[in-house]
N, C-alpha and C. Protein backbone atom coordinates (compact mmCIF):
# COMPACT_ATOMS: atom_id res chain seq x y z
N MET A 1 2.64 16.62 27.71
CA MET A 1 1.58 16.81 28.02
C MET A 1 1.43 18.22 28.70
N ARG A 2 2.47 18.34 29.79
CA ARG A 2 2.44 19.33 30.95
C ARG A 2 2.52 20.62 30.10
N LEU A 3 3.40 20.61 29.09
CA LEU A 3 3.66 21.88 28.30
C LEU A 3 2.72 22.20 27.48
N ARG A 4 1.70 21.42 26.97
CA ARG A 4 0.65 21.74 26.25
C ARG A 4 -0.40 22.42 27.14
N ILE A 5 -0.58 21.78 28.15
CA ILE A 5 -1.38 22.43 29.19
C ILE A 5 -0.99 23.89 29.65
N THR A 6 0.28 23.91 29.86
CA THR A 6 0.83 25.41 30.26
C THR A 6 0.72 26.35 29.08
N THR A 7 0.81 25.80 27.99
CA THR A 7 0.51 26.95 26.83
C THR A 7 -0.90 27.28 26.63
N THR A 8 -1.82 26.11 26.83
CA THR A 8 -3.09 26.53 26.84
C THR A 8 -3.68 27.49 27.90
N PHE A 9 -3.01 27.16 29.08
CA PHE A 9 -3.38 28.06 30.45
C PHE A 9 -2.88 29.54 29.82
N ALA A 10 -1.61 29.58 29.47
CA ALA A 10 -1.18 30.95 29.11
C ALA A 10 -2.05 31.56 28.03
N ILE A 11 -2.48 30.92 27.23
CA ILE A 11 -3.59 31.56 26.14
C ILE A 11 -4.79 32.17 26.93
N ILE A 12 -5.32 31.19 27.79
CA ILE A 12 -6.51 31.52 28.65
C ILE A 12 -6.03 32.87 29.54
N LEU A 13 -5.12 32.75 30.11
CA LEU A 13 -4.83 34.03 31.03
C LEU A 13 -4.68 35.38 29.98
N LEU A 14 -3.95 35.00 28.92
CA LEU A 14 -3.75 36.43 28.19
C LEU A 14 -5.39 36.93 27.46
N MET A 15 -6.01 35.93 27.35
CA MET A 15 -7.36 36.33 26.79
C MET A 15 -8.19 37.04 27.98
N SER A 16 -8.18 36.37 29.09
CA SER A 16 -8.69 36.93 30.32
C SER A 16 -8.18 38.28 30.47
N GLY A 17 -6.95 38.53 30.22
CA GLY A 17 -6.14 39.81 30.66
C GLY A 17 -6.76 40.74 29.67
N ILE A 18 -6.96 40.61 28.46
CA ILE A 18 -7.41 41.47 27.58
C ILE A 18 -8.74 42.02 27.75
N ILE A 19 -9.56 41.01 28.03
CA ILE A 19 -11.08 40.94 28.31
C ILE A 19 -11.13 41.86 29.64
N ALA A 20 -10.20 41.69 30.75
CA ALA A 20 -10.36 42.25 31.79
C ALA A 20 -10.03 43.78 31.54
N GLN A 21 -8.87 44.09 30.88
CA GLN A 21 -8.49 45.50 30.56
C GLN A 21 -9.66 46.20 29.78
N ALA A 22 -10.36 45.50 28.92
CA ALA A 22 -11.55 46.16 28.17
C ALA A 22 -12.73 46.47 29.33
N VAL A 23 -12.87 45.63 30.09
CA VAL A 23 -13.91 45.74 31.07
C VAL A 23 -13.61 46.93 32.22
N VAL A 24 -12.37 47.19 32.39
CA VAL A 24 -12.04 48.17 33.51
C VAL A 24 -11.98 49.42 32.71
N GLN A 25 -11.62 49.52 31.52
CA GLN A 25 -11.60 50.83 30.65
C GLN A 25 -13.19 51.21 30.54
N ALA A 26 -13.98 50.23 30.31
CA ALA A 26 -15.39 50.55 30.17
C ALA A 26 -16.07 50.96 31.45
N GLU A 27 -15.72 50.47 32.45
CA GLU A 27 -16.37 50.62 33.93
C GLU A 27 -15.85 52.08 34.21
N THR A 28 -14.51 52.24 34.05
CA THR A 28 -13.75 53.61 34.59
C THR A 28 -13.94 54.67 33.64
N GLY A 29 -14.89 54.57 32.49
CA GLY A 29 -15.09 55.47 31.49
C GLY A 29 -13.86 55.92 30.83
N GLY A 30 -12.97 54.76 30.46
CA GLY A 30 -11.71 55.21 29.75
C GLY A 30 -11.79 56.16 28.70
N SER A 31 -10.66 56.87 28.51
CA SER A 31 -11.00 57.81 27.22
C SER A 31 -11.25 57.33 25.83
N ARG A 32 -10.90 56.29 25.77
CA ARG A 32 -11.15 55.49 24.40
C ARG A 32 -11.88 54.20 24.62
N GLU A 33 -12.94 54.03 23.92
CA GLU A 33 -13.51 52.58 23.83
C GLU A 33 -12.66 51.65 22.76
N ILE A 34 -12.19 50.52 23.18
CA ILE A 34 -11.69 49.67 22.47
C ILE A 34 -12.63 48.92 21.63
N PRO A 35 -12.58 48.85 20.53
CA PRO A 35 -13.59 48.07 19.57
C PRO A 35 -13.26 46.50 19.82
N VAL A 36 -14.45 45.73 19.82
CA VAL A 36 -14.34 44.23 19.77
C VAL A 36 -13.48 43.77 18.60
N SER A 37 -13.39 44.23 17.46
CA SER A 37 -12.83 43.54 16.30
C SER A 37 -11.21 44.01 16.75
N GLU A 38 -10.73 45.01 17.23
CA GLU A 38 -9.38 45.40 17.58
C GLU A 38 -8.87 44.37 18.69
N LEU A 39 -9.79 44.01 19.51
CA LEU A 39 -9.30 42.97 20.70
C LEU A 39 -9.26 41.67 19.90
N GLU A 40 -10.14 41.41 18.97
CA GLU A 40 -10.07 40.18 18.30
C GLU A 40 -8.79 39.94 17.47
N ASP A 41 -8.32 41.23 16.67
CA ASP A 41 -7.18 41.25 15.86
C ASP A 41 -6.00 40.94 16.84
N GLU A 42 -6.11 41.45 18.09
CA GLU A 42 -4.81 41.33 18.84
C GLU A 42 -4.76 39.85 19.47
N LEU A 43 -6.04 39.54 19.67
CA LEU A 43 -5.79 38.02 20.18
C LEU A 43 -5.58 36.98 19.24
N THR A 44 -5.90 37.31 18.03
CA THR A 44 -5.55 36.39 16.89
C THR A 44 -3.95 36.67 16.66
N GLY A 45 -3.49 37.71 16.71
CA GLY A 45 -1.89 37.91 16.71
C GLY A 45 -1.29 37.16 17.64
N ILE A 46 -1.63 37.25 19.15
CA ILE A 46 -0.97 36.64 20.22
C ILE A 46 -1.38 35.11 19.95
N GLU A 47 -2.35 34.54 19.43
CA GLU A 47 -2.41 33.19 19.25
C GLU A 47 -1.33 32.54 18.35
N LYS A 48 -1.42 33.56 17.27
CA LYS A 48 -0.30 33.09 16.11
C LYS A 48 1.10 32.94 16.72
N GLU A 49 1.46 33.78 17.52
CA GLU A 49 2.76 33.95 18.25
C GLU A 49 2.87 32.70 19.25
N LEU A 50 2.07 32.35 19.92
CA LEU A 50 2.07 31.33 20.96
C LEU A 50 1.99 30.07 20.13
N THR A 51 1.39 29.89 18.96
CA THR A 51 1.61 28.75 18.08
C THR A 51 2.85 28.62 17.70
N GLY A 52 3.58 29.55 17.14
CA GLY A 52 4.93 29.51 16.62
C GLY A 52 5.90 29.02 17.83
N LEU A 53 5.58 29.77 19.05
CA LEU A 53 6.51 29.32 20.05
C LEU A 53 6.33 27.87 20.47
N GLU A 54 4.99 27.54 20.51
CA GLU A 54 4.73 26.06 20.67
C GLU A 54 5.42 25.03 19.74
N LYS A 55 5.55 25.59 18.57
CA LYS A 55 6.30 24.68 17.40
C LYS A 55 7.75 24.81 17.74
N GLU A 56 8.48 25.65 18.10
CA GLU A 56 9.74 26.06 18.54
C GLU A 56 9.93 24.98 19.73
N ILE A 57 9.14 25.17 20.97
CA ILE A 57 9.20 24.33 21.82
C ILE A 57 9.34 22.78 21.74
N ASP A 58 8.29 22.45 20.82
CA ASP A 58 8.17 20.95 20.34
C ASP A 58 9.46 20.64 19.71
N VAL A 59 10.14 21.36 18.90
CA VAL A 59 11.20 20.99 18.33
C VAL A 59 12.50 20.81 19.33
N LEU A 60 12.65 21.65 20.19
CA LEU A 60 13.45 21.76 21.23
C LEU A 60 13.34 20.47 21.84
N LEU A 61 12.07 20.25 22.44
CA LEU A 61 11.80 19.02 23.24
C LEU A 61 12.08 17.76 22.52
N GLU A 62 11.94 17.71 21.14
CA GLU A 62 12.15 16.51 20.60
C GLU A 62 13.71 16.32 20.20
N ASP A 63 14.24 17.39 20.25
CA ASP A 63 15.94 17.22 20.03
C ASP A 63 16.46 16.91 21.30
N LEU A 64 15.85 17.24 22.49
CA LEU A 64 16.33 16.93 23.81
C LEU A 64 15.99 15.32 24.01
N VAL A 65 14.87 15.04 23.79
CA VAL A 65 14.32 13.46 23.94
C VAL A 65 14.83 12.64 22.77
N ASP A 66 15.04 12.99 21.74
CA ASP A 66 15.18 12.47 20.36
C ASP A 66 16.16 13.02 19.63
N PRO A 67 17.54 12.70 19.91
CA PRO A 67 18.45 13.55 19.10
C PRO A 67 18.73 13.09 17.74
N ARG A 68 19.35 14.06 17.21
CA ARG A 68 19.26 13.90 15.54
C ARG A 68 20.38 13.04 15.06
N ILE A 69 20.38 12.00 15.76
CA ILE A 69 21.23 10.71 15.32
C ILE A 69 20.29 9.48 15.34
N THR A 70 20.56 8.53 14.61
CA THR A 70 19.80 7.39 15.01
C THR A 70 20.74 6.16 14.64
N SER A 71 20.44 5.20 15.30
CA SER A 71 21.27 3.87 15.05
C SER A 71 21.23 3.25 13.61
N LEU A 72 22.23 2.46 12.98
CA LEU A 72 22.23 1.95 11.83
C LEU A 72 22.86 0.74 11.91
N SER A 73 22.32 -0.57 11.30
CA SER A 73 23.12 -1.68 11.49
C SER A 73 23.00 -2.28 9.85
N VAL A 74 24.04 -2.73 9.27
CA VAL A 74 24.13 -3.05 8.07
C VAL A 74 24.52 -4.58 8.12
N PHE A 75 23.54 -5.46 7.61
CA PHE A 75 23.79 -7.10 7.36
C PHE A 75 24.11 -7.29 5.87
N PHE A 76 24.82 -8.27 5.77
CA PHE A 76 25.26 -8.76 4.37
C PHE A 76 24.48 -10.17 4.43
N SER A 77 24.09 -10.64 3.43
CA SER A 77 23.67 -12.17 3.11
C SER A 77 23.60 -12.32 1.73
N SER A 78 23.56 -13.73 1.36
CA SER A 78 23.72 -14.17 0.00
C SER A 78 22.41 -15.51 -0.11
N GLN A 79 22.18 -15.42 -1.34
CA GLN A 79 21.14 -16.47 -1.84
C GLN A 79 21.56 -17.28 -3.19
N ASN A 80 21.41 -18.41 -3.11
CA ASN A 80 21.66 -19.11 -4.47
C ASN A 80 23.34 -19.17 -4.94
N ILE A 81 24.11 -18.89 -4.18
CA ILE A 81 25.64 -18.82 -4.59
C ILE A 81 26.04 -19.97 -5.03
N ARG A 82 26.62 -20.13 -6.10
CA ARG A 82 27.42 -21.28 -6.51
C ARG A 82 28.84 -21.04 -7.30
N GLY A 83 29.72 -21.91 -7.06
CA GLY A 83 31.04 -21.65 -7.71
C GLY A 83 31.76 -20.62 -7.06
N GLN A 84 31.31 -19.39 -6.62
CA GLN A 84 32.26 -18.34 -6.19
C GLN A 84 31.49 -18.08 -4.86
N VAL A 85 32.34 -17.61 -3.88
CA VAL A 85 31.76 -17.30 -2.49
C VAL A 85 32.31 -15.64 -2.19
N PRO A 86 31.61 -15.16 -1.39
CA PRO A 86 31.83 -13.84 -1.08
C PRO A 86 33.02 -14.04 -0.33
N ALA A 87 34.06 -13.00 -0.53
CA ALA A 87 35.37 -12.83 0.10
C ALA A 87 35.53 -11.77 0.89
N SER A 88 35.05 -10.81 0.55
CA SER A 88 34.96 -9.42 1.17
C SER A 88 33.80 -8.41 0.78
N VAL A 89 33.60 -7.40 1.49
CA VAL A 89 32.71 -6.47 1.38
C VAL A 89 33.06 -5.00 1.89
N GLN A 90 33.04 -4.00 0.87
CA GLN A 90 33.36 -2.74 1.33
C GLN A 90 32.12 -1.84 1.07
N ILE A 91 31.87 -1.21 2.12
CA ILE A 91 30.53 -0.49 2.30
C ILE A 91 30.67 1.35 2.38
N GLN A 92 30.28 2.15 1.63
CA GLN A 92 30.57 3.40 1.80
C GLN A 92 29.10 4.05 2.02
N LEU A 93 29.12 5.15 3.03
CA LEU A 93 27.91 5.97 3.24
C LEU A 93 28.29 7.35 2.65
N ASP A 94 27.46 7.73 1.88
CA ASP A 94 27.80 9.31 1.17
C ASP A 94 29.00 9.51 0.88
N GLY A 95 29.69 8.45 0.17
CA GLY A 95 30.99 8.60 -0.43
C GLY A 95 32.19 8.29 0.60
N GLU A 96 31.91 8.14 1.85
CA GLU A 96 32.93 7.97 2.98
C GLU A 96 32.92 6.60 3.48
N LEU A 97 34.13 5.96 3.65
CA LEU A 97 34.14 4.40 3.90
C LEU A 97 33.37 4.29 5.17
N LEU A 98 32.39 3.20 5.41
CA LEU A 98 31.72 2.91 6.49
C LEU A 98 32.33 1.62 7.03
N THR A 99 32.50 0.68 6.39
CA THR A 99 33.35 -0.46 6.77
C THR A 99 33.74 -1.23 5.71
N SER A 100 34.87 -1.98 6.12
CA SER A 100 35.49 -3.07 5.03
C SER A 100 35.54 -4.34 5.78
N ARG A 101 35.01 -5.25 5.27
CA ARG A 101 35.22 -6.41 6.19
C ARG A 101 35.55 -7.81 5.11
N GLU A 102 36.69 -8.33 5.76
CA GLU A 102 36.99 -9.64 4.97
C GLU A 102 36.22 -10.65 5.56
N PHE A 103 35.66 -11.63 4.97
CA PHE A 103 34.66 -12.66 5.52
C PHE A 103 35.80 -14.00 5.90
N THR A 104 35.52 -14.35 7.15
CA THR A 104 36.08 -15.63 7.59
C THR A 104 35.62 -16.87 6.95
N GLU A 105 36.11 -18.05 7.24
CA GLU A 105 35.63 -19.22 6.65
C GLU A 105 34.35 -19.35 7.35
N THR A 106 34.23 -19.14 8.52
CA THR A 106 32.76 -19.28 9.13
C THR A 106 31.69 -18.38 8.57
N ASP A 107 32.17 -17.04 8.29
CA ASP A 107 31.29 -16.19 7.82
C ASP A 107 30.93 -16.70 6.33
N ARG A 108 31.81 -17.19 5.43
CA ARG A 108 31.56 -17.92 4.08
C ARG A 108 30.46 -19.01 4.24
N LEU A 109 30.75 -19.75 5.08
CA LEU A 109 29.81 -20.86 5.46
C LEU A 109 28.45 -20.41 5.66
N VAL A 110 28.33 -19.33 6.67
CA VAL A 110 27.03 -18.67 6.84
C VAL A 110 26.37 -18.19 5.66
N LEU A 111 27.13 -17.53 4.95
CA LEU A 111 26.60 -16.90 3.78
C LEU A 111 26.14 -17.93 2.56
N ILE A 112 26.85 -18.86 2.48
CA ILE A 112 26.57 -20.01 1.39
C ILE A 112 25.34 -20.88 1.90
N ARG A 113 24.94 -20.68 3.01
CA ARG A 113 23.89 -21.51 3.64
C ARG A 113 22.43 -20.34 3.54
N GLY A 114 22.81 -19.09 3.29
CA GLY A 114 21.83 -18.19 3.22
C GLY A 114 21.75 -17.45 4.48
N GLY A 115 22.48 -17.54 5.22
CA GLY A 115 22.43 -16.50 6.51
C GLY A 115 23.00 -15.11 6.33
N ALA A 116 22.89 -14.52 7.14
CA ALA A 116 23.24 -13.03 7.27
C ALA A 116 24.27 -12.64 8.25
N ILE A 117 25.09 -11.81 7.81
CA ILE A 117 26.27 -11.34 8.86
C ILE A 117 26.13 -9.85 9.08
N GLU A 118 26.22 -9.28 10.41
CA GLU A 118 26.33 -8.00 10.58
C GLU A 118 27.50 -7.38 10.15
N VAL A 119 27.50 -6.49 9.25
CA VAL A 119 29.21 -5.99 8.93
C VAL A 119 29.27 -4.57 9.51
N TYR A 120 28.13 -3.96 9.97
CA TYR A 120 28.37 -2.59 10.57
C TYR A 120 27.15 -2.18 11.48
N SER A 121 27.58 -1.81 12.60
CA SER A 121 26.66 -1.34 13.70
C SER A 121 27.01 0.06 14.25
N GLY A 122 26.43 1.18 14.13
CA GLY A 122 26.86 2.51 14.64
C GLY A 122 25.48 3.44 14.55
N ILE A 123 26.11 4.73 14.02
CA ILE A 123 25.06 5.76 14.16
C ILE A 123 25.06 6.51 12.62
N ALA A 124 23.95 7.04 12.63
CA ALA A 124 23.94 7.84 11.29
C ALA A 124 22.76 9.05 11.50
N GLU A 125 22.98 10.16 10.62
CA GLU A 125 21.97 11.27 10.62
C GLU A 125 20.63 10.59 9.94
N PRO A 126 19.62 11.19 10.47
CA PRO A 126 18.22 10.56 9.95
C PRO A 126 17.91 11.69 8.80
N VAL A 127 18.56 11.25 7.71
CA VAL A 127 18.27 12.06 6.39
C VAL A 127 18.62 11.05 5.17
N SER A 128 18.33 11.31 4.08
CA SER A 128 18.52 10.54 2.85
C SER A 128 20.08 10.33 2.82
N HIS A 129 20.36 9.01 2.41
CA HIS A 129 21.75 8.55 2.54
C HIS A 129 21.87 7.67 0.99
N ASN A 130 23.10 7.78 0.54
CA ASN A 130 23.53 6.78 -0.49
C ASN A 130 24.48 5.77 -0.11
N LEU A 131 24.13 4.37 -0.14
CA LEU A 131 24.85 3.36 0.36
C LEU A 131 25.58 2.52 -0.68
N SER A 132 26.97 2.70 -0.91
CA SER A 132 27.71 2.25 -1.86
C SER A 132 28.31 1.02 -1.50
N VAL A 133 27.78 -0.37 -1.95
CA VAL A 133 28.39 -1.68 -1.68
C VAL A 133 29.40 -2.23 -2.77
N GLU A 134 30.51 -2.78 -2.48
CA GLU A 134 31.26 -3.54 -3.29
C GLU A 134 31.53 -4.81 -2.65
N CYS A 135 31.17 -5.96 -3.43
CA CYS A 135 31.33 -7.23 -2.89
C CYS A 135 32.25 -7.95 -3.85
N PHE A 136 33.38 -8.32 -3.15
CA PHE A 136 34.66 -9.03 -3.74
C PHE A 136 34.43 -10.68 -3.78
N LEU A 137 34.07 -11.23 -4.85
CA LEU A 137 33.75 -12.73 -4.94
C LEU A 137 35.04 -13.64 -5.13
N ALA A 138 35.27 -14.61 -4.57
CA ALA A 138 36.52 -15.51 -4.75
C ALA A 138 36.01 -16.77 -5.21
N SER A 139 36.95 -17.64 -5.85
CA SER A 139 36.71 -19.22 -6.26
C SER A 139 36.44 -19.79 -4.98
N GLY A 140 35.72 -21.00 -4.90
CA GLY A 140 35.29 -21.73 -3.82
C GLY A 140 36.36 -22.39 -3.12
N GLU A 141 37.59 -22.34 -3.56
CA GLU A 141 38.45 -22.97 -2.84
C GLU A 141 39.00 -22.21 -1.79
N PRO A 142 39.63 -22.96 -0.61
CA PRO A 142 40.18 -22.00 0.27
C PRO A 142 41.13 -21.27 -0.19
N GLN A 143 41.13 -20.07 0.55
CA GLN A 143 42.26 -18.93 0.19
C GLN A 143 42.25 -18.90 -1.47
N GLY A 144 41.06 -19.09 -1.77
CA GLY A 144 40.75 -18.64 -3.63
C GLY A 144 41.02 -17.17 -3.86
N GLU A 145 41.33 -17.07 -5.22
CA GLU A 145 41.68 -15.58 -5.58
C GLU A 145 40.41 -14.99 -5.96
N ILE A 146 40.48 -13.60 -5.77
CA ILE A 146 39.36 -12.67 -6.37
C ILE A 146 39.29 -12.97 -7.69
N THR A 147 37.87 -13.41 -7.98
CA THR A 147 37.68 -13.67 -9.39
C THR A 147 36.82 -12.47 -9.94
N SER A 148 36.19 -11.77 -9.27
CA SER A 148 35.03 -10.82 -9.89
C SER A 148 34.56 -9.97 -8.76
N THR A 149 34.01 -8.62 -9.04
CA THR A 149 33.57 -7.84 -8.05
C THR A 149 32.03 -7.45 -8.59
N ARG A 150 31.16 -7.12 -7.53
CA ARG A 150 30.02 -6.67 -7.90
C ARG A 150 29.74 -5.19 -7.07
N LYS A 151 29.24 -4.25 -7.60
CA LYS A 151 29.16 -3.10 -7.05
C LYS A 151 27.81 -2.61 -7.31
N ALA A 152 27.16 -2.10 -6.24
CA ALA A 152 25.76 -1.24 -6.36
C ALA A 152 25.56 -0.38 -5.32
N ILE A 153 24.85 0.91 -5.64
CA ILE A 153 24.53 1.96 -4.85
C ILE A 153 22.91 1.90 -4.66
N PHE A 154 22.71 2.00 -3.47
CA PHE A 154 21.39 2.01 -2.84
C PHE A 154 21.03 3.38 -2.39
N LYS A 155 19.78 3.96 -2.15
CA LYS A 155 19.44 5.22 -1.49
C LYS A 155 18.34 4.72 -0.40
N PHE A 156 18.43 5.21 0.70
CA PHE A 156 17.56 5.04 1.96
C PHE A 156 17.41 6.16 2.58
N GLU A 157 16.42 6.24 3.48
CA GLU A 157 16.06 7.46 4.36
C GLU A 157 16.15 6.94 5.76
N ALA A 158 17.11 7.13 6.47
CA ALA A 158 17.32 6.89 7.91
C ALA A 158 16.29 7.61 8.78
N ARG A 159 15.44 6.80 9.42
CA ARG A 159 14.48 7.34 10.20
C ARG A 159 14.83 7.83 11.52
N ARG A 160 14.34 8.90 11.94
CA ARG A 160 14.96 9.59 13.38
C ARG A 160 14.00 8.69 14.40
N ALA A 161 14.73 8.57 15.39
CA ALA A 161 14.47 7.95 16.75
C ALA A 161 13.99 6.45 16.37
N MET A 162 14.59 5.85 15.46
CA MET A 162 14.40 4.39 15.30
C MET A 162 15.53 3.57 15.11
N ALA A 163 15.48 2.52 15.20
CA ALA A 163 16.68 1.63 15.06
C ALA A 163 16.58 1.17 13.41
N ASN A 164 17.58 1.52 12.57
CA ASN A 164 17.61 1.55 11.30
C ASN A 164 18.26 0.28 10.87
N PHE A 165 17.83 -0.50 9.93
CA PHE A 165 18.47 -1.72 9.47
C PHE A 165 18.61 -1.96 8.06
N LEU A 166 19.66 -2.11 7.51
CA LEU A 166 19.74 -2.29 6.04
C LEU A 166 20.33 -3.78 5.89
N GLU A 167 19.74 -4.59 4.82
CA GLU A 167 20.32 -5.86 4.54
C GLU A 167 20.48 -5.92 3.01
N ILE A 168 21.76 -5.99 2.79
CA ILE A 168 22.30 -6.07 1.40
C ILE A 168 22.49 -7.83 0.93
N THR A 169 21.66 -8.11 -0.06
CA THR A 169 21.80 -9.47 -0.36
C THR A 169 22.32 -9.63 -1.72
N LEU A 170 23.54 -10.44 -1.94
CA LEU A 170 23.96 -10.91 -3.14
C LEU A 170 23.26 -12.26 -3.54
N SER A 171 22.77 -12.26 -4.98
CA SER A 171 22.20 -13.39 -5.27
C SER A 171 22.80 -13.82 -6.80
N GLN A 172 22.69 -14.84 -7.07
CA GLN A 172 22.97 -15.36 -8.48
C GLN A 172 21.72 -15.69 -9.12
N ASP A 173 21.77 -15.28 -10.51
CA ASP A 173 20.63 -15.64 -11.15
C ASP A 173 20.45 -17.16 -11.32
N PRO A 174 19.39 -17.71 -10.93
CA PRO A 174 19.22 -19.29 -11.00
C PRO A 174 18.96 -19.61 -12.66
N VAL A 175 18.48 -18.68 -13.45
CA VAL A 175 18.02 -18.93 -14.81
C VAL A 175 19.19 -18.82 -15.83
N LYS A 176 20.19 -17.97 -15.64
CA LYS A 176 21.15 -17.91 -16.58
C LYS A 176 22.10 -18.75 -16.41
N LYS A 177 23.10 -19.33 -17.49
CA LYS A 177 23.92 -20.29 -17.26
C LYS A 177 25.15 -19.59 -16.80
N ALA A 178 25.49 -18.45 -17.12
CA ALA A 178 26.54 -17.57 -16.78
C ALA A 178 26.66 -17.18 -15.36
N THR A 179 27.59 -17.01 -14.79
CA THR A 179 27.65 -16.82 -13.38
C THR A 179 27.20 -15.20 -13.19
N THR A 180 26.01 -14.69 -13.29
CA THR A 180 25.31 -13.47 -13.00
C THR A 180 25.00 -13.24 -11.78
N TYR A 181 25.67 -12.17 -11.07
CA TYR A 181 25.35 -11.87 -9.73
C TYR A 181 24.65 -10.50 -9.71
N LYS A 182 23.74 -10.24 -8.56
CA LYS A 182 23.15 -9.03 -8.54
C LYS A 182 23.02 -8.81 -6.97
N MET A 183 22.90 -7.30 -6.67
CA MET A 183 22.82 -7.13 -5.06
C MET A 183 21.53 -6.32 -5.05
N ASP A 184 20.75 -6.64 -3.94
CA ASP A 184 19.55 -5.98 -3.58
C ASP A 184 19.73 -5.36 -2.38
N ALA A 185 19.11 -4.35 -1.76
CA ALA A 185 18.89 -3.98 -0.56
C ALA A 185 17.43 -3.67 0.25
N ARG A 186 17.34 -3.99 1.33
CA ARG A 186 16.10 -3.86 2.03
C ARG A 186 16.34 -3.19 3.27
N HIS A 187 15.49 -2.07 3.28
CA HIS A 187 15.63 -1.07 4.64
C HIS A 187 14.44 -1.30 5.56
N TRP A 188 14.65 -1.25 6.70
CA TRP A 188 13.35 -1.18 7.55
C TRP A 188 13.92 -0.72 8.97
N SER A 189 12.69 -0.27 9.62
CA SER A 189 13.31 0.54 11.00
C SER A 189 12.32 -0.09 12.03
N ARG A 190 12.57 0.23 13.40
CA ARG A 190 11.63 -0.06 14.46
C ARG A 190 12.17 0.82 15.52
N GLU A 191 11.24 0.95 16.52
CA GLU A 191 11.53 1.88 17.54
C GLU A 191 12.43 0.97 18.56
N PRO A 192 13.43 1.64 19.11
CA PRO A 192 14.34 1.20 20.00
C PRO A 192 13.76 0.60 21.28
């Protein structure tokens, strides 16, 4: 707010300086009269220059107050899982490994009951991202073997100066008789 007042004040000072210069020249019988259109053109040029500077200052202030990184939390949940349970998950962000997590017995119970587990908490740039998720499923027995995997890629836009959340949900199709799984993603954000 203070910066905007200062910029407005600078515009007023410049305009009054140009007008004062024109008045002084007119009163002293300056060698050349400055037409009003020339003054208006000069004033318009100065206003454009000040507008550009104001935009640059806004960007610099935004970077100072609101850096070009944002928080990112990724959760994994499941719905309607029968027979197989999630054993681990591997998540990549833009082709680079973000996290790899092997689920504990407690994690598996949470997932079977439809709960969510935070698998990553960190930072990301506020741009478009590709999130690749691979889930490894095991038989329902303790220490069960990996029986299948599901992989999906999701696109999302991390929002600047926001806490960004992604929930990856693994679900089993209740209609089909075969064990068909799918993954969905939901992205939301809020101010920290």
